[in-house]
Structure formats: structure tokens, C-alpha cells
């Protein structure tokens, strides 16, 4: 993992306070706010917003909060919870991930002004070779198993696993990565000082101990339905690709999938039983050609891994003793009796092989241990019977 920024790269306090103020003033995502900061920088943008010297759209969005500056209190509350504020001025800010928002062309896809972070992980390093895993909260045992197994296998290969720390698929993905001492990142829809769901207190502590817990919401913010949907765009952006394990026909997971597609990220889906309602979303993503079907962690690694290095090897079926036999030799083997012994003429007739061809085939089969000779008669080797 990447260590925090070294001394000498410290972000000025006024920049941190300005961005903390802006994050609380306007609910994300807001393209007008991002554009204002882009034109004037965070400090002047914050000053303009306080004075009301901004466009009407942004003024309306900030009307309820711009008069109160809680930036210092927010920074202190985050620090008390073990969190810090990551800003674009940090050398480790993942600019490449958020640049995709500018190309998406959707008003609801704007980058974050900053991110609250808890944990030692470096966000840029963790998102460089990463996979976002999403799916149903009410997951089936099949879905939980797949999410955990895929995440464990990929984390063991150096892929950071990102998810939302929710029940079901999210939690299984995080736990799978942690089981192999891999890297995992949780992106929350509440403040960095809150735990949601409360039952995942221990899980989030484990993630924060070695990985990263992220949020674009200020301390004290409670989760809400809209905030979960807004959060999903960050999951889609930070992952090198997105994997959907289980999703119903109407699911918030579909929003993450749509965001990933809009941001130009590869989208993958795991198939499930056609009798399961939680497989409908995955199957529809594949049927509509929005997502590619994956059945093994190796398939996913080929998509999010290193170009030309992490290539998936085609799955190999169980090897058979007869693998590699020429068709005519295989025909002679098929003609050999398993429980009796026949003369060569009868075997040649059954296989449609002439004397010379039959003699060569029987010799090869005997050398491979697939045929036995007994007093002028031939049969299959008993210990390796069957094709």
C-alpha cells in the first residue's frame, strides 16, 4: 500500500478548510460546484459561495448551509474518528479515476470535491489495479460464496477489492479479500465517523486497519436512499472494472452498473440459476450486451489486470488416458473388449482397420498401457477401463 503523503507535500490548512466547507454546503454530486472550484480554486470558491457571488443554480443548492462554516469542527470530528481529508491537491489523489466524469456527459456524474478517508491505504495505489464488487443485500448462499471466492482469489493476486460494506454481496467481497490479507476499500454513504450498517462495526474496523474507508459526506451525516445511489458512482469510478454477482430486476446494483458503463469501465456479471430472482439482473446485463459473462476469477483478472500479463488460461477438463490418440488408434481402442479378449481379426473388423494399421495401433496402445496381450488375444487394460 502507498504511505500517506510525505512531509513537504502537506496541503495548506486553508485548502483543507475550504474543501471541507464546500463539501458540507452542497450535496454531491454538483457540477456547478466542481466547475466553480476548477475556475477559481477551492479557497476563492469557498469565499464566493459564502458571499453569494455564484450562479443561481449553485446558490439554490447551497441556500440552507452556506451561511454556517463548520469546516474546522468537521476536520476535528474526522480526526477524532481516525479519518483525514483527501483532496485533489494531494499527490496521491486518483485524478485518472475521476477524469472519467468529464467524459461521461451525464449531469449526475460529477467528481467529488474531496474525500474523507480512514485507514493507511493510499487511494491512488489501491484504485490502480482494482475491482468493484456489487450485488444484492439479500444474497443467496450461492451469491455469497461466489463473491467471497472471487474476491479472495483476486485479492491474493494483488487486486484491491472495492465495495459498499452493506449486507450480502458487499460484506462477502470485503471478507473474501481480508481472508487472504488482501487490500479492500469500503465506500460509505454516510459520514466517516459513522458505521452503517451497525452490525458491520467489526468489519469496517478490519478494513480501516489495513485498507481504506472512504466517504464524501461530512462527519455526522446519516445514510439515505439517495446518498447510496450517489455513492455508487464513486465505486464505479474507482474500480478498474465492476463485477455484479447477484441483482434483482429492480436493484440499486443496476445503478452502479449503469454508472460504470457511462464512465467507460468494463462491466462483468456472474450468471446464476435461471430460477432465482436474484439472477435476473445479471442475466439481463449480459443479454443486453452491457456486461460480459465471467465464470472464474481468472476471467475477471484478464479484464482488470495487467495488459498482456494476466491472461486467462482456457479451463481444462479432466484428463483421460486416451487424450492425444489419433482417430484411427482411438477407434481400435474403442473396439477392444473390457471383460474378454479377442483375436486381432475381430478387433480389426470392429474398428474398420486393416492388418498393418491394426498392428501399429495395438502396439501404441500396449506401450501406453491401454491394451493387454494374452496368448494371441487382446483386451483393454483392466485397471484403466473405459474411454
Protein backbone atom coordinates (compact mmCIF):
# COMPACT_ATOMS: atom_id res chain seq x y z
CA UNK A 1 0.00 0.00 0.00
CA UNK A 2 1.05 3.59 -0.58
CA UNK A 3 2.00 5.50 2.54
CA UNK A 4 0.44 8.88 3.34
CA UNK A 5 1.98 11.90 1.67
CA UNK A 6 5.49 12.59 2.86
CA UNK A 7 6.37 15.76 4.78
CA UNK A 8 6.86 18.59 2.34
CA UNK A 9 3.73 17.64 0.45
CA UNK A 10 1.38 18.84 3.19
CA UNK A 11 -1.75 20.51 1.85
CA UNK A 12 -2.24 24.05 3.22
CA UNK A 13 -4.79 24.26 6.02
CA UNK A 14 -6.82 26.89 4.19
CA UNK A 15 -7.27 24.49 1.27
CA UNK A 16 -8.47 21.70 3.58
CA UNK A 17 -10.89 24.04 5.35
CA UNK A 18 -12.20 25.44 2.08
CA UNK A 19 -12.91 22.00 0.65
CA UNK A 20 -14.44 20.79 3.93
CA UNK A 21 -16.74 23.82 3.87
CA UNK A 22 -17.75 23.22 0.25
CA UNK A 23 -18.45 19.52 0.89
CA UNK A 24 -20.93 20.38 3.63
CA UNK A 25 -22.56 23.29 1.82
CA UNK A 26 -23.65 21.40 -1.29
CA UNK A 27 -24.92 17.83 -1.54
CA UNK A 28 -22.93 15.85 -4.10
CA UNK A 29 -22.75 15.47 -6.98
CA UNK A 30 -22.89 19.05 -8.22
CA UNK A 31 -21.23 20.01 -11.49
CA UNK A 32 -21.68 23.72 -10.81
CA UNK A 33 -19.64 23.46 -7.63
CA UNK A 34 -16.92 21.42 -9.34
CA UNK A 35 -16.77 23.98 -12.14
CA UNK A 36 -16.52 26.86 -9.64
CA UNK A 37 -13.59 25.20 -7.86
CA UNK A 38 -11.97 24.45 -11.21
CA UNK A 39 -12.13 28.11 -12.25
CA UNK A 40 -11.10 29.80 -9.02
CA UNK A 41 -9.51 27.18 -6.77
CA UNK A 42 -11.05 25.94 -3.53
CA UNK A 43 -10.23 28.92 -1.31
CA UNK A 44 -11.71 31.57 -3.59
CA UNK A 45 -14.62 29.28 -4.49
CA UNK A 46 -15.49 28.93 -0.81
CA UNK A 47 -15.30 32.71 -0.35
CA UNK A 48 -17.55 33.35 -3.34
CA UNK A 49 -20.10 30.84 -2.07
CA UNK A 50 -20.16 32.44 1.39
CA UNK A 51 -20.79 35.86 -0.19
CA UNK A 52 -23.40 34.51 -2.60
CA UNK A 53 -21.29 35.57 -5.59
CA UNK A 54 -22.15 32.45 -7.59
CA UNK A 55 -24.71 31.38 -10.18
CA UNK A 56 -28.35 30.91 -9.27
CA UNK A 57 -28.24 27.09 -9.59
CA UNK A 58 -25.39 26.80 -7.12
CA UNK A 59 -26.87 29.44 -4.85
CA UNK A 60 -30.09 27.45 -4.57
CA UNK A 61 -28.20 24.22 -3.87
CA UNK A 62 -26.24 25.88 -1.02
CA UNK A 63 -29.02 28.09 0.35
CA UNK A 64 -29.62 26.08 3.54
CA UNK A 65 -25.98 25.69 4.58
CA UNK A 66 -23.66 28.30 3.12
CA UNK A 67 -24.08 30.76 5.99
CA UNK A 68 -22.56 28.34 8.52
CA UNK A 69 -18.91 27.33 8.29
CA UNK A 70 -18.36 24.05 10.16
CA UNK A 71 -15.15 23.15 8.39
CA UNK A 72 -12.92 23.37 11.47
CA UNK A 73 -15.34 21.28 13.53
CA UNK A 74 -15.66 18.74 10.71
CA UNK A 75 -11.88 18.34 10.44
CA UNK A 76 -11.64 17.88 14.20
CA UNK A 77 -14.52 15.36 14.29
CA UNK A 78 -12.95 13.37 11.46
CA UNK A 79 -9.57 13.36 13.18
CA UNK A 80 -11.21 12.11 16.39
CA UNK A 81 -12.65 9.22 14.38
CA UNK A 82 -9.24 8.46 12.86
CA UNK A 83 -10.10 9.99 9.47
CA UNK A 84 -8.35 12.57 7.32
CA UNK A 85 -9.43 14.69 4.36
CA UNK A 86 -8.06 13.70 0.95
CA UNK A 87 -8.14 16.48 -1.64
CA UNK A 88 -7.12 16.86 -5.30
CA UNK A 89 -4.09 18.83 -4.09
CA UNK A 90 -2.74 15.62 -2.51
CA UNK A 91 -0.06 13.91 -4.64
CA UNK A 92 -1.90 10.60 -4.17
CA UNK A 93 -5.28 11.85 -5.43
CA UNK A 94 -6.58 9.42 -8.13
CA UNK A 95 -7.08 12.04 -10.81
CA UNK A 96 -7.17 9.36 -13.54
CA UNK A 97 -10.22 7.74 -11.96
CA UNK A 98 -12.22 10.93 -11.65
CA UNK A 99 -11.25 12.28 -15.07
CA UNK A 100 -13.80 9.84 -16.48
CA UNK A 101 -16.61 12.02 -15.08
CA UNK A 102 -15.76 14.79 -17.55
CA UNK A 103 -16.12 12.36 -20.46
CA UNK A 104 -19.35 10.74 -19.27
CA UNK A 105 -21.66 13.53 -20.38
CA UNK A 106 -24.20 12.95 -17.59
CA UNK A 107 -25.19 15.79 -15.28
CA UNK A 108 -25.43 13.46 -12.29
CA UNK A 109 -21.88 12.19 -12.76
CA UNK A 110 -19.59 14.77 -11.17
CA UNK A 111 -16.36 14.06 -9.29
CA UNK A 112 -16.12 14.55 -5.53
CA UNK A 113 -14.83 17.83 -4.14
CA UNK A 114 -12.78 15.81 -1.62
CA UNK A 115 -12.99 12.51 0.27
CA UNK A 116 -12.83 11.65 3.94
CA UNK A 117 -10.56 8.65 4.43
CA UNK A 118 -9.93 6.30 7.34
CA UNK A 119 -7.12 3.78 7.12
CA UNK A 120 -3.49 3.57 5.99
CA UNK A 121 -4.17 2.73 2.35
CA UNK A 122 -3.25 5.06 -0.47
CA UNK A 123 -6.31 5.70 -2.62
CA UNK A 124 -4.39 6.10 -5.88
CA UNK A 125 -2.43 2.88 -5.40
CA UNK A 126 -5.47 0.89 -4.32
CA UNK A 127 -7.57 2.00 -7.28
CA UNK A 128 -4.80 1.41 -9.83
CA UNK A 129 -5.47 -2.35 -10.09
CA UNK A 130 -8.85 -2.85 -8.56
CA UNK A 131 -12.28 -4.42 -8.83
CA UNK A 132 -15.60 -3.09 -7.63
CA UNK A 133 -17.85 -5.94 -6.46
CA UNK A 134 -21.55 -5.21 -6.04
CA UNK A 135 -24.73 -7.20 -5.67
CA UNK A 136 -27.84 -7.88 -3.66
CA UNK A 137 -28.12 -7.28 0.07
CA UNK A 138 -30.47 -10.27 0.33
CA UNK A 139 -27.93 -12.54 -1.35
CA UNK A 140 -28.31 -16.29 -1.67
CA UNK A 141 -25.70 -18.74 -0.32
CA UNK A 142 -24.58 -19.18 -3.93
CA UNK A 143 -24.02 -15.43 -4.34
CA UNK A 144 -22.20 -15.08 -1.03
CA UNK A 145 -19.91 -17.98 -1.93
CA UNK A 146 -19.11 -16.58 -5.38
CA UNK A 147 -18.45 -13.05 -4.08
CA UNK A 148 -16.14 -14.30 -1.35
CA UNK A 149 -14.28 -16.80 -3.54
CA UNK A 150 -13.76 -14.39 -6.44
CA UNK A 151 -12.64 -11.59 -4.11
CA UNK A 152 -10.24 -13.84 -2.20
CA UNK A 153 -8.66 -15.20 -5.38
CA UNK A 154 -8.25 -11.74 -6.94
CA UNK A 155 -7.02 -10.07 -3.75
CA UNK A 156 -4.38 -12.79 -3.47
CA UNK A 157 -3.20 -11.71 -6.94
CA UNK A 158 -2.82 -8.08 -5.86
CA UNK A 159 -6.21 -6.71 -6.95
CA UNK A 160 -7.82 -4.32 -4.46
CA UNK A 161 -11.49 -5.14 -3.81
CA UNK A 162 -13.91 -2.20 -3.53
CA UNK A 163 -17.46 -2.40 -2.26
CA UNK A 164 -20.02 -0.58 -0.11
CA UNK A 165 -19.85 -2.51 3.20
CA UNK A 166 -23.57 -3.36 3.01
CA UNK A 167 -25.12 -6.69 3.93
CA UNK A 168 -24.95 -9.51 1.40
CA UNK A 169 -22.58 -9.38 -1.55
CA UNK A 170 -20.69 -6.28 -0.31
CA UNK A 171 -19.75 -7.85 3.01
CA UNK A 172 -18.84 -11.17 1.37
CA UNK A 173 -16.49 -9.37 -1.03
CA UNK A 174 -14.73 -7.46 1.76
CA UNK A 175 -14.39 -10.59 3.89
CA UNK A 176 -13.04 -12.59 0.97
CA UNK A 177 -10.28 -10.03 0.41
CA UNK A 178 -9.45 -9.84 4.12
CA UNK A 179 -9.25 -13.64 4.34
CA UNK A 180 -6.19 -13.58 2.09
CA UNK A 181 -4.67 -10.47 3.71
CA UNK A 182 -5.55 -8.59 0.54
CA UNK A 183 -6.46 -4.93 0.10
CA UNK A 184 -10.06 -3.80 0.31
CA UNK A 185 -11.80 -0.41 0.25
CA UNK A 186 -15.26 0.43 1.60
CA UNK A 187 -17.08 3.47 0.20
CA UNK A 188 -19.80 4.70 2.55
CA UNK A 189 -23.00 6.71 2.08
CA UNK A 190 -22.68 8.37 5.48
CA UNK A 191 -20.13 10.39 7.43
CA UNK A 192 -16.66 8.93 8.12
CA UNK A 193 -17.40 8.89 11.86
CA UNK A 194 -20.50 6.71 11.47
CA UNK A 195 -20.85 2.96 10.98
CA UNK A 196 -23.55 1.68 8.69
CA UNK A 197 -24.87 -0.90 9.00
CA UNK A 198 -24.14 -1.01 12.74
CA UNK A 199 -23.75 -4.80 12.57
CA UNK A 200 -20.64 -4.26 10.43
CA UNK A 201 -18.70 -2.32 13.06
CA UNK A 202 -16.07 -5.03 13.35
CA UNK A 203 -15.85 -5.49 9.57
CA UNK A 204 -15.30 -1.77 8.97
CA UNK A 205 -12.67 -1.65 11.70
CA UNK A 206 -10.82 -4.51 10.00
CA UNK A 207 -10.99 -2.69 6.66
CA UNK A 208 -9.75 0.56 8.21
CA UNK A 209 -6.88 -1.26 9.92
CA UNK A 210 -5.23 -2.30 6.66
CA UNK A 211 -7.13 -0.76 3.76
CA UNK A 212 -9.33 2.28 3.39
CA UNK A 213 -12.82 3.51 4.32
CA UNK A 214 -13.97 6.43 2.14
CA UNK A 215 -16.86 8.90 2.18
CA UNK A 216 -17.63 12.23 0.53
CA UNK A 217 -20.11 13.11 3.28
CA UNK A 218 -19.05 15.21 6.29
CA UNK A 219 -18.94 13.84 9.84
CA UNK A 220 -22.32 13.18 11.37
CA UNK A 221 -24.08 12.63 8.04
CA UNK A 222 -26.65 9.85 8.21
CA UNK A 223 -27.19 7.46 5.28
CA UNK A 224 -30.17 7.85 2.97
CA UNK A 225 -31.58 6.16 -0.12
CA UNK A 226 -30.41 8.94 -2.45
CA UNK A 227 -26.98 9.01 -0.85
CA UNK A 228 -26.50 5.32 -1.56
CA UNK A 229 -27.26 5.94 -5.24
CA UNK A 230 -24.91 8.93 -5.30
CA UNK A 231 -22.19 6.89 -3.59
CA UNK A 232 -22.37 4.23 -6.28
CA UNK A 233 -20.76 6.49 -8.89
CA UNK A 234 -17.59 6.58 -6.76
CA UNK A 235 -17.49 2.79 -6.59
CA UNK A 236 -17.86 2.66 -10.37
CA UNK A 237 -15.13 5.25 -10.93
CA UNK A 238 -12.51 3.89 -8.52
CA UNK A 239 -12.65 0.31 -9.79
CA UNK A 240 -10.70 -0.76 -12.86
CA UNK A 241 -13.84 -2.77 -13.58
CA UNK A 242 -17.15 -3.64 -11.92
CA UNK A 243 -18.40 -7.15 -11.16
CA UNK A 244 -22.10 -7.79 -10.48
CA UNK A 245 -22.63 -11.04 -8.59
CA UNK A 246 -26.38 -11.06 -7.86
CA UNK A 247 -29.00 -8.45 -8.70
CA UNK A 248 -32.77 -8.48 -8.97
CA UNK A 249 -34.77 -6.94 -11.78
CA UNK A 250 -35.12 -3.71 -9.74
CA UNK A 251 -31.91 -3.18 -7.84
CA UNK A 252 -29.59 -0.35 -6.82
CA UNK A 253 -26.82 -2.53 -8.19
CA UNK A 254 -28.12 -1.76 -11.67
CA UNK A 255 -27.36 1.92 -10.99
CA UNK A 256 -23.72 1.10 -10.24
CA UNK A 257 -23.60 -0.97 -13.41
CA UNK A 258 -25.02 1.92 -15.44
CA UNK A 259 -22.52 4.34 -13.90
CA UNK A 260 -19.63 2.00 -14.70
CA UNK A 261 -20.72 1.81 -18.32
CA UNK A 262 -21.13 5.59 -18.57
CA UNK A 263 -17.64 6.05 -17.12
CA UNK A 264 -16.11 3.63 -19.61
CA UNK A 265 -15.28 0.96 -17.05
CA UNK A 266 -15.55 -2.73 -18.01
CA UNK A 267 -18.70 -4.34 -16.61
CA UNK A 268 -18.90 -8.05 -15.80
CA UNK A 269 -21.66 -10.27 -14.41
CA UNK A 270 -21.71 -13.74 -12.86
CA UNK A 271 -24.53 -15.99 -14.11
CA UNK A 272 -26.83 -17.74 -11.67
CA UNK A 273 -29.75 -20.18 -11.67
CA UNK A 274 -32.49 -19.14 -14.09
CA UNK A 275 -34.97 -20.00 -11.33
CA UNK A 276 -33.54 -17.35 -9.00
CA UNK A 277 -34.99 -13.84 -8.97
CA UNK A 278 -31.58 -12.55 -7.89
CA UNK A 279 -30.04 -13.73 -11.14
CA UNK A 280 -32.42 -11.74 -13.34
CA UNK A 281 -30.37 -8.54 -13.17
CA UNK A 282 -27.10 -10.30 -14.04
CA UNK A 283 -28.65 -12.20 -16.93
CA UNK A 284 -30.27 -9.05 -18.31
CA UNK A 285 -26.95 -7.18 -18.22
CA UNK A 286 -25.34 -9.98 -20.23
CA UNK A 287 -28.31 -10.39 -22.58
CA UNK A 288 -28.31 -6.67 -23.37
CA UNK A 289 -24.56 -6.86 -24.06
CA UNK A 290 -23.89 -4.31 -21.30
CA UNK A 291 -21.80 -6.82 -19.34
CA UNK A 292 -19.50 -9.67 -20.23
CA UNK A 293 -20.17 -13.04 -18.62
CA UNK A 294 -17.49 -14.34 -16.26
CA UNK A 295 -17.37 -17.72 -14.59
CA UNK A 296 -13.92 -17.72 -12.96
CA UNK A 297 -11.71 -15.25 -11.11
CA UNK A 298 -9.22 -15.68 -13.97
CA UNK A 299 -11.77 -14.23 -16.38
CA UNK A 300 -12.06 -11.12 -14.21
CA UNK A 301 -8.30 -10.78 -13.75
CA UNK A 302 -7.83 -10.71 -17.50
CA UNK A 303 -10.10 -7.63 -17.63
CA UNK A 304 -8.74 -5.63 -14.67
CA UNK A 305 -5.17 -6.97 -14.60
CA UNK A 306 -2.02 -6.06 -16.45
CA UNK A 307 -2.33 -5.88 -20.22
CA UNK A 308 -0.78 -8.93 -21.85
CA UNK A 309 0.25 -10.45 -18.49
CA UNK A 310 -2.88 -11.51 -16.59
CA UNK A 311 -4.36 -13.56 -19.39
CA UNK A 312 -6.96 -16.20 -18.57
CA UNK A 313 -5.98 -19.73 -19.50
CA UNK A 314 -8.91 -21.65 -21.03
CA UNK A 315 -10.38 -24.07 -18.47
CA UNK A 316 -9.12 -27.61 -18.83
CA UNK A 317 -11.43 -30.58 -18.40
CA UNK A 318 -10.41 -33.75 -16.61
CA UNK A 319 -7.64 -35.54 -18.50
CA UNK A 320 -8.27 -39.02 -19.90
CA UNK A 321 -5.82 -41.80 -20.68
CA UNK A 322 -6.94 -41.70 -24.30
CA UNK A 323 -6.21 -37.96 -24.75
CA UNK A 324 -3.87 -37.43 -27.68
CA UNK A 325 -4.68 -40.64 -29.55
CA UNK A 326 -5.07 -40.34 -33.29
CA UNK A 327 -8.64 -41.03 -34.50
CA UNK A 328 -7.80 -44.42 -36.03
CA UNK A 329 -5.93 -45.52 -32.88
CA UNK A 330 -8.86 -44.37 -30.75
CA UNK A 331 -11.20 -46.43 -32.95
CA UNK A 332 -9.11 -49.55 -32.25
CA UNK A 333 -9.16 -48.77 -28.52
CA UNK A 334 -12.94 -48.43 -28.59
CA UNK A 335 -13.19 -51.82 -30.27
CA UNK A 336 -11.14 -53.58 -27.58
CA UNK A 337 -13.31 -55.61 -25.20
CA UNK A 338 -13.10 -54.73 -21.50
CA UNK A 339 -14.04 -58.08 -19.93
CA UNK A 340 -12.97 -60.59 -22.57
CA UNK A 341 -10.11 -60.99 -25.05
CA UNK A 342 -10.48 -61.05 -28.84
CA UNK A 343 -8.27 -62.08 -31.69
CA UNK A 344 -6.80 -59.28 -33.81
CA UNK A 345 -9.05 -60.07 -36.77
CA UNK A 346 -12.23 -59.48 -34.78
CA UNK A 347 -10.86 -56.23 -33.34
CA UNK A 348 -9.84 -55.00 -36.79
CA UNK A 349 -13.29 -55.78 -38.17
CA UNK A 350 -14.99 -53.91 -35.31
CA UNK A 351 -12.67 -50.91 -35.75
CA UNK A 352 -12.62 -50.97 -39.54
CA UNK A 353 -8.82 -51.18 -39.51
CA UNK A 354 -6.60 -53.16 -41.91
CA UNK A 355 -3.86 -55.53 -40.64
CA UNK A 356 -0.96 -53.04 -40.80
CA UNK A 357 -2.99 -50.20 -39.31
CA UNK A 358 -4.33 -52.52 -36.60
CA UNK A 359 -0.86 -53.83 -35.72
CA UNK A 360 0.52 -50.29 -35.32
CA UNK A 361 -2.47 -49.20 -33.24
CA UNK A 362 -2.27 -52.19 -30.90
CA UNK A 363 1.45 -51.63 -30.42
CA UNK A 364 0.88 -47.98 -29.46
CA UNK A 365 -1.97 -48.86 -27.12
CA UNK A 366 0.14 -51.50 -25.42
CA UNK A 367 3.01 -49.03 -24.95
CA UNK A 368 0.58 -46.54 -23.35
CA UNK A 369 -0.78 -49.20 -21.03
CA UNK A 370 -4.20 -49.12 -22.69
CA UNK A 371 -4.17 -52.66 -24.16
CA UNK A 372 -3.01 -56.07 -22.96
CA UNK A 373 -1.95 -59.13 -24.99
CA UNK A 374 -2.77 -62.65 -23.70
CA UNK A 375 -1.86 -65.75 -25.76
CA UNK A 376 -2.80 -64.25 -29.10
CA UNK A 377 -5.80 -62.29 -27.82
CA UNK A 378 -6.20 -58.59 -26.99
CA UNK A 379 -8.30 -56.63 -24.48
CA UNK A 380 -8.36 -53.27 -22.71
CA UNK A 381 -6.19 -52.89 -19.65
CA UNK A 382 -8.47 -53.71 -16.77
CA UNK A 383 -7.14 -51.09 -14.39
CA UNK A 384 -7.81 -48.32 -16.92
CA UNK A 385 -11.01 -49.49 -18.47
CA UNK A 386 -13.34 -47.04 -20.14
CA UNK A 387 -12.56 -44.31 -22.63
